[in-house]
Amino acid sequence: MKGSNRLFLKACTKCRGDLYLDEDAYGVFTKCMQCGRIFEANANNSKLDLDKVGSGKMAA
């Protein structure tokens, strides 16, 4: 996932802010740019489960 920037516009279920996909030593997650809420990515699937995150559109 290094070098991959993914944005999910208006997908935060708390504030309807924009999410970005990131990873650290513990795994892959998305974080809201406005409120800071963190959504864990599904460990069984490398793709993010958008049903958990919200119905936002993905920007490249």
PDB file of N, CA and C in Angstrom:
ATOM      1  N   MET A   1       0.802  -1.190   0.000  1.00  0.00           N
ATOM      2  CA  MET A   1       0.000   0.000   0.000  1.00  0.00           C
ATOM      3  C   MET A   1       0.851   1.262   0.000  1.00  0.00           C
ATOM      4  N   LYS A   2       2.126   1.139   0.118  1.00  0.00           N
ATOM      5  CA  LYS A   2       2.999   2.311   0.137  1.00  0.00           C
ATOM      6  C   LYS A   2       2.815   3.122  -1.141  1.00  0.00           C
ATOM      7  N   GLY A   3       2.692   4.434  -0.998  1.00  0.00           N
ATOM      8  CA  GLY A   3       2.540   5.314  -2.138  1.00  0.00           C
ATOM      9  C   GLY A   3       1.121   5.399  -2.672  1.00  0.00           C
ATOM     10  N   SER A   4       0.192   4.724  -2.044  1.00  0.00           N
ATOM     11  CA  SER A   4      -1.195   4.728  -2.509  1.00  0.00           C
ATOM     12  C   SER A   4      -2.007   5.702  -1.662  1.00  0.00           C
ATOM     13  N   ASN A   5      -2.481   6.761  -2.273  1.00  0.00           N
ATOM     14  CA  ASN A   5      -3.312   7.735  -1.564  1.00  0.00           C
ATOM     15  C   ASN A   5      -4.757   7.521  -1.967  1.00  0.00           C
ATOM     16  N   ARG A   6      -5.594   7.222  -1.002  1.00  0.00           N
ATOM     17  CA  ARG A   6      -7.013   7.007  -1.278  1.00  0.00           C
ATOM     18  C   ARG A   6      -7.821   7.930  -0.390  1.00  0.00           C
ATOM     19  N   LEU A   7      -8.768   8.627  -0.995  1.00  0.00           N
ATOM     20  CA  LEU A   7      -9.689   9.488  -0.265  1.00  0.00           C
ATOM     21  C   LEU A   7     -11.104   8.981  -0.459  1.00  0.00           C
ATOM     22  N   PHE A   8     -11.890   9.030   0.593  1.00  0.00           N
ATOM     23  CA  PHE A   8     -13.305   8.694   0.542  1.00  0.00           C
ATOM     24  C   PHE A   8     -14.053   9.964   0.938  1.00  0.00           C
ATOM     25  N   LEU A   9     -14.637  10.641  -0.046  1.00  0.00           N
ATOM     26  CA  LEU A   9     -15.256  11.937   0.184  1.00  0.00           C
ATOM     27  C   LEU A   9     -16.597  11.801   0.898  1.00  0.00           C
ATOM     28  N   LYS A  10     -16.783  12.610   1.945  1.00  0.00           N
ATOM     29  CA  LYS A  10     -18.022  12.664   2.733  1.00  0.00           C
ATOM     30  C   LYS A  10     -18.446  11.288   3.234  1.00  0.00           C
ATOM     31  N   ALA A  11     -17.503  10.467   3.684  1.00  0.00           N
ATOM     32  CA  ALA A  11     -17.802   9.091   4.084  1.00  0.00           C
ATOM     33  C   ALA A  11     -17.804   8.865   5.590  1.00  0.00           C
ATOM     34  N   CYS A  12     -17.418   9.838   6.385  1.00  0.00           N
ATOM     35  CA  CYS A  12     -17.402   9.651   7.838  1.00  0.00           C
ATOM     36  C   CYS A  12     -18.832   9.591   8.364  1.00  0.00           C
ATOM     37  N   THR A  13     -19.131   8.546   9.124  1.00  0.00           N
ATOM     38  CA  THR A  13     -20.480   8.387   9.661  1.00  0.00           C
ATOM     39  C   THR A  13     -20.750   9.306  10.854  1.00  0.00           C
ATOM     40  N   LYS A  14     -19.705   9.898  11.409  1.00  0.00           N
ATOM     41  CA  LYS A  14     -19.880  10.795  12.552  1.00  0.00           C
ATOM     42  C   LYS A  14     -20.130  12.238  12.105  1.00  0.00           C
ATOM     43  N   CYS A  15     -19.284  12.749  11.195  1.00  0.00           N
ATOM     44  CA  CYS A  15     -19.375  14.161  10.822  1.00  0.00           C
ATOM     45  C   CYS A  15     -19.555  14.391   9.323  1.00  0.00           C
ATOM     46  N   ARG A  16     -19.616  13.307   8.527  1.00  0.00           N
ATOM     47  CA  ARG A  16     -19.706  13.361   7.066  1.00  0.00           C
ATOM     48  C   ARG A  16     -18.475  14.016   6.447  1.00  0.00           C
ATOM     49  N   GLY A  17     -17.351  13.920   7.129  1.00  0.00           N
ATOM     50  CA  GLY A  17     -16.097  14.449   6.616  1.00  0.00           C
ATOM     51  C   GLY A  17     -15.430  13.477   5.653  1.00  0.00           C
ATOM     52  N   ASP A  18     -14.263  13.861   5.167  1.00  0.00           N
ATOM     53  CA  ASP A  18     -13.515  13.066   4.198  1.00  0.00           C
ATOM     54  C   ASP A  18     -12.553  12.124   4.911  1.00  0.00           C
ATOM     55  N   LEU A  19     -12.483  10.882   4.447  1.00  0.00           N
ATOM     56  CA  LEU A  19     -11.597   9.875   5.022  1.00  0.00           C
ATOM     57  C   LEU A  19     -10.418   9.638   4.103  1.00  0.00           C
ATOM     58  N   TYR A  20      -9.271   9.304   4.692  1.00  0.00           N
ATOM     59  CA  TYR A  20      -8.133   8.870   3.894  1.00  0.00           C
ATOM     60  C   TYR A  20      -7.630   7.536   4.413  1.00  0.00           C
ATOM     61  N   LEU A  21      -7.172   6.714   3.486  1.00  0.00           N
ATOM     62  CA  LEU A  21      -6.678   5.376   3.793  1.00  0.00           C
ATOM     63  C   LEU A  21      -5.214   5.474   4.174  1.00  0.00           C
ATOM     64  N   ASP A  22      -4.830   4.838   5.274  1.00  0.00           N
ATOM     65  CA  ASP A  22      -3.455   4.901   5.765  1.00  0.00           C
ATOM     66  C   ASP A  22      -3.104   3.579   6.433  1.00  0.00           C
ATOM     67  N   GLU A  23      -1.848   3.398   6.747  1.00  0.00           N
ATOM     68  CA  GLU A  23      -1.419   2.205   7.474  1.00  0.00           C
ATOM     69  C   GLU A  23      -0.293   2.560   8.425  1.00  0.00           C
ATOM     70  N   ASP A  24      -0.171   1.759   9.482  1.00  0.00           N
ATOM     71  CA  ASP A  24       0.914   1.900  10.437  1.00  0.00           C
ATOM     72  C   ASP A  24       1.407   0.508  10.800  1.00  0.00           C
ATOM     73  N   ALA A  25       2.139   0.399  11.885  1.00  0.00           N
ATOM     74  CA  ALA A  25       2.702  -0.893  12.288  1.00  0.00           C
ATOM     75  C   ALA A  25       1.620  -1.910  12.646  1.00  0.00           C
ATOM     76  N   TYR A  26       0.414  -1.443  12.959  1.00  0.00           N
ATOM     77  CA  TYR A  26      -0.664  -2.336  13.377  1.00  0.00           C
ATOM     78  C   TYR A  26      -1.598  -2.741  12.248  1.00  0.00           C
ATOM     79  N   GLY A  27      -1.515  -2.090  11.100  1.00  0.00           N
ATOM     80  CA  GLY A  27      -2.358  -2.470   9.973  1.00  0.00           C
ATOM     81  C   GLY A  27      -2.911  -1.279   9.215  1.00  0.00           C
ATOM     82  N   VAL A  28      -3.911  -1.563   8.395  1.00  0.00           N
ATOM     83  CA  VAL A  28      -4.523  -0.569   7.516  1.00  0.00           C
ATOM     84  C   VAL A  28      -5.774  -0.001   8.188  1.00  0.00           C
ATOM     85  N   PHE A  29      -5.998   1.300   8.015  1.00  0.00           N
ATOM     86  CA  PHE A  29      -7.157   1.957   8.599  1.00  0.00           C
ATOM     87  C   PHE A  29      -7.498   3.194   7.786  1.00  0.00           C
ATOM     88  N   THR A  30      -8.680   3.744   8.026  1.00  0.00           N
ATOM     89  CA  THR A  30      -9.029   5.042   7.463  1.00  0.00           C
ATOM     90  C   THR A  30      -9.232   6.008   8.617  1.00  0.00           C
ATOM     91  N   LYS A  31      -8.928   7.272   8.360  1.00  0.00           N
ATOM     92  CA  LYS A  31      -9.059   8.298   9.385  1.00  0.00           C
ATOM     93  C   LYS A  31      -9.758   9.509   8.783  1.00  0.00           C
ATOM     94  N   CYS A  32     -10.672  10.086   9.558  1.00  0.00           N
ATOM     95  CA  CYS A  32     -11.399  11.264   9.105  1.00  0.00           C
ATOM     96  C   CYS A  32     -10.498  12.488   9.218  1.00  0.00           C
ATOM     97  N   MET A  33     -10.465  13.294   8.165  1.00  0.00           N
ATOM     98  CA  MET A  33      -9.640  14.500   8.157  1.00  0.00           C
ATOM     99  C   MET A  33     -10.237  15.606   9.030  1.00  0.00           C
ATOM    100  N   GLN A  34     -11.561  15.581   9.238  1.00  0.00           N
ATOM    101  CA  GLN A  34     -12.208  16.641   9.992  1.00  0.00           C
ATOM    102  C   GLN A  34     -12.296  16.335  11.488  1.00  0.00           C
ATOM    103  N   CYS A  35     -12.819  15.163  11.862  1.00  0.00           N
ATOM    104  CA  CYS A  35     -13.037  14.880  13.288  1.00  0.00           C
ATOM    105  C   CYS A  35     -12.000  13.931  13.888  1.00  0.00           C
ATOM    106  N   GLY A  36     -11.207  13.249  13.061  1.00  0.00           N
ATOM    107  CA  GLY A  36     -10.158  12.373  13.563  1.00  0.00           C
ATOM    108  C   GLY A  36     -10.598  10.957  13.880  1.00  0.00           C
ATOM    109  N   ARG A  37     -11.858  10.614  13.619  1.00  0.00           N
ATOM    110  CA  ARG A  37     -12.337   9.254  13.903  1.00  0.00           C
ATOM    111  C   ARG A  37     -11.589   8.239  13.043  1.00  0.00           C
ATOM    112  N   ILE A  38     -11.259   7.102  13.648  1.00  0.00           N
ATOM    113  CA  ILE A  38     -10.508   6.055  12.952  1.00  0.00           C
ATOM    114  C   ILE A  38     -11.416   4.857  12.723  1.00  0.00           C
ATOM    115  N   PHE A  39     -11.384   4.326  11.501  1.00  0.00           N
ATOM    116  CA  PHE A  39     -12.129   3.136  11.126  1.00  0.00           C
ATOM    117  C   PHE A  39     -11.123   2.055  10.776  1.00  0.00           C
ATOM    118  N   GLU A  40     -11.237   0.903  11.421  1.00  0.00           N
ATOM    119  CA  GLU A  40     -10.341  -0.214  11.143  1.00  0.00           C
ATOM    120  C   GLU A  40     -10.740  -0.879   9.834  1.00  0.00           C
ATOM    121  N   ALA A  41      -9.746  -1.261   9.031  1.00  0.00           N
ATOM    122  CA  ALA A  41     -10.023  -2.015   7.811  1.00  0.00           C
ATOM    123  C   ALA A  41     -10.246  -3.473   8.190  1.00  0.00           C
ATOM    124  N   ASN A  42     -10.998  -4.174   7.391  1.00  0.00           N
ATOM    125  CA  ASN A  42     -11.294  -5.583   7.624  1.00  0.00           C
ATOM    126  C   ASN A  42     -10.008  -6.393   7.496  1.00  0.00           C
ATOM    127  N   ALA A  43      -9.642  -7.149   8.516  1.00  0.00           N
ATOM    128  CA  ALA A  43      -8.397  -7.924   8.515  1.00  0.00           C
ATOM    129  C   ALA A  43      -8.439  -9.071   7.514  1.00  0.00           C
ATOM    130  N   ASN A  44      -9.621  -9.591   7.185  1.00  0.00           N
ATOM    131  CA  ASN A  44      -9.739 -10.708   6.255  1.00  0.00           C
ATOM    132  C   ASN A  44      -9.730 -10.272   4.801  1.00  0.00           C
ATOM    133  N   ASN A  45      -9.860  -8.992   4.553  1.00  0.00           N
ATOM    134  CA  ASN A  45      -9.956  -8.487   3.197  1.00  0.00           C
ATOM    135  C   ASN A  45      -9.052  -7.271   3.077  1.00  0.00           C
ATOM    136  N   SER A  46      -8.279  -7.184   1.999  1.00  0.00           N
ATOM    137  CA  SER A  46      -7.371  -6.059   1.837  1.00  0.00           C
ATOM    138  C   SER A  46      -8.114  -4.787   1.449  1.00  0.00           C
ATOM    139  N   LYS A  47      -9.334  -4.924   0.922  1.00  0.00           N
ATOM    140  CA  LYS A  47     -10.128  -3.752   0.586  1.00  0.00           C
ATOM    141  C   LYS A  47     -10.894  -3.279   1.811  1.00  0.00           C
ATOM    142  N   LEU A  48     -11.132  -2.003   1.872  1.00  0.00           N
ATOM    143  CA  LEU A  48     -11.877  -1.410   2.971  1.00  0.00           C
ATOM    144  C   LEU A  48     -13.359  -1.729   2.817  1.00  0.00           C
ATOM    145  N   ASP A  49     -14.017  -2.080   3.892  1.00  0.00           N
ATOM    146  CA  ASP A  49     -15.445  -2.368   3.870  1.00  0.00           C
ATOM    147  C   ASP A  49     -16.210  -1.046   3.931  1.00  0.00           C
ATOM    148  N   LEU A  50     -16.674  -0.569   2.779  1.00  0.00           N
ATOM    149  CA  LEU A  50     -17.328   0.732   2.715  1.00  0.00           C
ATOM    150  C   LEU A  50     -18.684   0.744   3.398  1.00  0.00           C
ATOM    151  N   ASP A  51     -19.302  -0.414   3.605  1.00  0.00           N
ATOM    152  CA  ASP A  51     -20.568  -0.449   4.324  1.00  0.00           C
ATOM    153  C   ASP A  51     -20.381  -0.007   5.767  1.00  0.00           C
ATOM    154  N   LYS A  52     -19.231  -0.314   6.361  1.00  0.00           N
ATOM    155  CA  LYS A  52     -18.943   0.120   7.725  1.00  0.00           C
ATOM    156  C   LYS A  52     -18.612   1.603   7.764  1.00  0.00           C
ATOM    157  N   VAL A  53     -17.918   2.093   6.755  1.00  0.00           N
ATOM    158  CA  VAL A  53     -17.421   3.460   6.756  1.00  0.00           C
ATOM    159  C   VAL A  53     -18.506   4.456   6.403  1.00  0.00           C
ATOM    160  N   GLY A  54     -19.304   4.177   5.411  1.00  0.00           N
ATOM    161  CA  GLY A  54     -20.321   5.106   4.943  1.00  0.00           C
ATOM    162  C   GLY A  54     -20.508   4.952   3.456  1.00  0.00           C
ATOM    163  N   SER A  55     -21.278   5.820   2.894  1.00  0.00           N
ATOM    164  CA  SER A  55     -21.594   5.692   1.481  1.00  0.00           C
ATOM    165  C   SER A  55     -20.899   6.761   0.658  1.00  0.00           C
ATOM    166  N   GLY A  56     -19.742   7.207   1.082  1.00  0.00           N
ATOM    167  CA  GLY A  56     -19.019   8.235   0.353  1.00  0.00           C
ATOM    168  C   GLY A  56     -18.439   7.731  -0.947  1.00  0.00           C
ATOM    169  N   LYS A  57     -18.070   8.667  -1.802  1.00  0.00           N
ATOM    170  CA  LYS A  57     -17.470   8.317  -3.081  1.00  0.00           C
ATOM    171  C   LYS A  57     -15.957   8.334  -2.940  1.00  0.00           C
ATOM    172  N   MET A  58     -15.289   7.435  -3.657  1.00  0.00           N
ATOM    173  CA  MET A  58     -13.838   7.350  -3.577  1.00  0.00           C
ATOM    174  C   MET A  58     -13.222   8.253  -4.637  1.00  0.00           C
ATOM    175  N   ALA A  59     -12.246   9.048  -4.257  1.00  0.00           N
ATOM    176  CA  ALA A  59     -11.517   9.898  -5.189  1.00  0.00           C
ATOM    177  C   ALA A  59     -10.123   9.342  -5.369  1.00  0.00           C
ATOM    178  N   ALA A  60      -9.609   9.429  -6.570  1.00  0.00           N
ATOM    179  CA  ALA A  60      -8.276   8.871  -6.852  1.00  0.00           C
ATOM    180  C   ALA A  60      -7.184   9.830  -6.524  1.00  0.00           C
TER     181      ALA A  60
END
